Amino acid sequence: MNKAEAQALTGTSSKSIFWLLKELRGLGPKAVVITDGRKGFAALQNNMVYHTEAMPDVKIIDTTGAGDAFTSGLLFGIIKRYPFEDALRLGQVNASSVLQHLGAKNELLTEKEAKAMMKKYRIIITKTRV
């Protein structure tokens, strides 16, 4: 979910994405991912927080569908048993592709295209144990 949705679900206006991750994890899911626009995303799984900034050099044309594209890439990676970090990267490159085009579904990536973008951008995800 995005940060505004996380704040609504937790009933807070907390600006701390890390606090939101912990609160949402307390509701029961094994993993929580919160996207935060140009600030990238943060995720919590197995007592590890993952974070990355938004991809550089992405010219945003339309934000419609970016969250759905992120989620579809992430879930594809999980279903295909990619390591969690790479599933997150798949989500990020898929969303970045959609952001650069008009419309919610334009330029969703194939697995081959997503892997090429992951390699090209070398997305660095920081991990912190909590």
Protein backbone atom coordinates (compact mmCIF):
# COMPACT_ATOMS: atom_id res chain seq x y z
CA MET A 1 0.00 0.00 0.00
CA ASN A 2 1.06 3.60 -0.23
CA LYS A 3 1.91 5.73 2.80
CA ALA A 4 -1.46 7.53 2.88
CA GLU A 5 -3.27 4.18 2.86
CA ALA A 6 -1.02 2.93 5.67
CA GLN A 7 -1.79 6.03 7.73
CA ALA A 8 -5.52 5.57 7.16
CA LEU A 9 -5.40 1.90 8.11
CA THR A 10 -3.48 2.61 11.32
CA GLY A 11 -5.59 5.68 12.11
CA THR A 12 -2.58 7.96 12.45
CA SER A 13 -0.90 10.81 10.67
CA SER A 14 2.53 9.45 11.64
CA LYS A 15 5.17 10.52 9.18
CA SER A 16 7.49 7.63 10.10
CA ILE A 17 7.26 4.92 7.50
CA PHE A 18 9.15 2.58 9.83
CA TRP A 19 6.58 3.07 12.60
CA LEU A 20 3.83 2.35 10.07
CA LEU A 21 5.57 -0.85 8.98
CA LYS A 22 5.72 -2.12 12.55
CA GLU A 23 2.11 -1.19 13.27
CA LEU A 24 0.85 -2.93 10.14
CA ARG A 25 2.99 -6.00 10.85
CA GLY A 26 1.29 -6.14 14.25
CA LEU A 27 -2.02 -6.69 12.45
CA GLY A 28 -0.82 -10.09 11.26
CA PRO A 29 0.79 -10.12 7.80
CA LYS A 30 4.18 -11.80 7.38
CA ALA A 31 5.41 -8.97 5.15
CA VAL A 32 4.43 -5.32 4.76
CA VAL A 33 5.42 -3.00 1.93
CA ILE A 34 4.71 0.73 1.86
CA THR A 35 5.44 2.85 -1.20
CA ASP A 36 6.15 6.54 -0.71
CA GLY A 37 6.30 8.15 -4.15
CA ARG A 38 9.61 9.83 -4.91
CA LYS A 39 10.95 8.63 -1.56
CA GLY A 40 10.87 5.02 -2.78
CA PHE A 41 9.55 2.23 -0.59
CA ALA A 42 10.13 0.43 2.67
CA ALA A 43 9.26 -3.15 3.52
CA LEU A 44 9.32 -5.32 6.62
CA GLN A 45 9.74 -9.08 6.48
CA ASN A 46 11.31 -11.52 8.95
CA ASN A 47 12.46 -8.71 11.27
CA MET A 48 14.36 -7.06 8.43
CA VAL A 49 13.51 -3.62 7.07
CA TYR A 50 14.25 -3.06 3.38
CA HIS A 51 14.43 0.45 1.94
CA THR A 52 15.35 2.13 -1.31
CA GLU A 53 14.89 5.50 -2.90
CA ALA A 54 12.92 6.00 -6.08
CA MET A 55 14.76 5.13 -9.27
CA PRO A 56 16.80 7.99 -10.73
CA ASP A 57 16.16 9.36 -14.19
CA VAL A 58 12.52 8.31 -14.26
CA LYS A 59 10.50 10.96 -16.08
CA ILE A 60 7.04 10.78 -14.56
CA ILE A 61 4.28 11.20 -17.13
CA ASP A 62 1.33 9.70 -15.23
CA THR A 63 1.11 8.11 -11.77
CA THR A 64 -2.09 6.20 -12.58
CA GLY A 65 -1.51 2.49 -11.98
CA ALA A 66 1.98 2.79 -10.52
CA GLY A 67 0.98 1.22 -7.20
CA ASP A 68 -0.79 -1.64 -8.95
CA ALA A 69 2.24 -2.15 -11.21
CA PHE A 70 4.53 -2.24 -8.15
CA THR A 71 2.30 -4.81 -6.46
CA SER A 72 2.01 -7.00 -9.56
CA GLY A 73 5.79 -7.05 -10.00
CA LEU A 74 6.33 -7.81 -6.32
CA LEU A 75 3.76 -10.61 -6.29
CA PHE A 76 5.14 -12.04 -9.53
CA GLY A 77 8.56 -12.22 -7.89
CA ILE A 78 7.15 -13.88 -4.77
CA ILE A 79 5.15 -16.41 -6.79
CA LYS A 80 8.21 -17.21 -8.94
CA ARG A 81 10.23 -17.63 -5.70
CA TYR A 82 12.64 -14.79 -6.31
CA PRO A 83 14.54 -13.65 -3.21
CA PHE A 84 12.44 -11.00 -1.42
CA GLU A 85 14.86 -8.20 -2.38
CA ASP A 86 14.58 -9.11 -6.06
CA ALA A 87 10.78 -9.34 -5.82
CA LEU A 88 10.87 -5.77 -4.46
CA ARG A 89 13.12 -4.74 -7.35
CA LEU A 90 10.69 -6.31 -9.84
CA GLY A 91 7.93 -4.22 -8.33
CA GLN A 92 10.00 -1.07 -8.50
CA VAL A 93 11.05 -1.43 -12.14
CA ASN A 94 7.51 -2.36 -13.19
CA ALA A 95 6.10 0.73 -11.47
CA SER A 96 8.86 2.91 -12.93
CA SER A 97 7.99 1.72 -16.42
CA VAL A 98 4.30 2.53 -15.97
CA LEU A 99 5.11 5.97 -14.53
CA GLN A 100 6.84 6.94 -17.77
CA HIS A 101 3.75 6.41 -19.91
CA LEU A 102 0.17 7.62 -20.03
CA GLY A 103 -2.37 5.15 -18.63
CA ALA A 104 -2.58 2.54 -15.91
CA LYS A 105 -1.46 -0.52 -17.87
CA ASN A 106 0.80 0.84 -20.57
CA GLU A 107 4.29 -0.58 -20.57
CA LEU A 108 3.88 -3.25 -17.91
CA LEU A 109 7.08 -5.27 -18.19
CA THR A 110 7.63 -8.88 -19.15
CA GLU A 111 9.92 -10.87 -16.89
CA LYS A 112 12.75 -10.51 -19.41
CA GLU A 113 12.27 -6.74 -19.65
CA ALA A 114 12.07 -6.37 -15.86
CA LYS A 115 15.27 -8.35 -15.34
CA ALA A 116 17.05 -6.19 -17.93
CA MET A 117 15.88 -3.02 -16.12
CA MET A 118 16.97 -4.44 -12.76
CA LYS A 119 20.41 -5.09 -14.21
CA LYS A 120 20.59 -1.67 -15.87
CA TYR A 121 19.63 0.33 -12.77
CA ARG A 122 21.38 -1.84 -10.15
CA ILE A 123 18.83 -0.93 -7.50
CA ILE A 124 20.45 -0.82 -4.08
CA ILE A 125 18.22 -1.87 -1.21
CA THR A 126 19.44 -1.20 2.30
CA LYS A 127 18.59 -3.73 4.98
CA THR A 128 18.34 -3.14 8.71
CA ARG A 129 17.52 -5.77 11.31
CA VAL A 130 14.80 -4.75 13.78
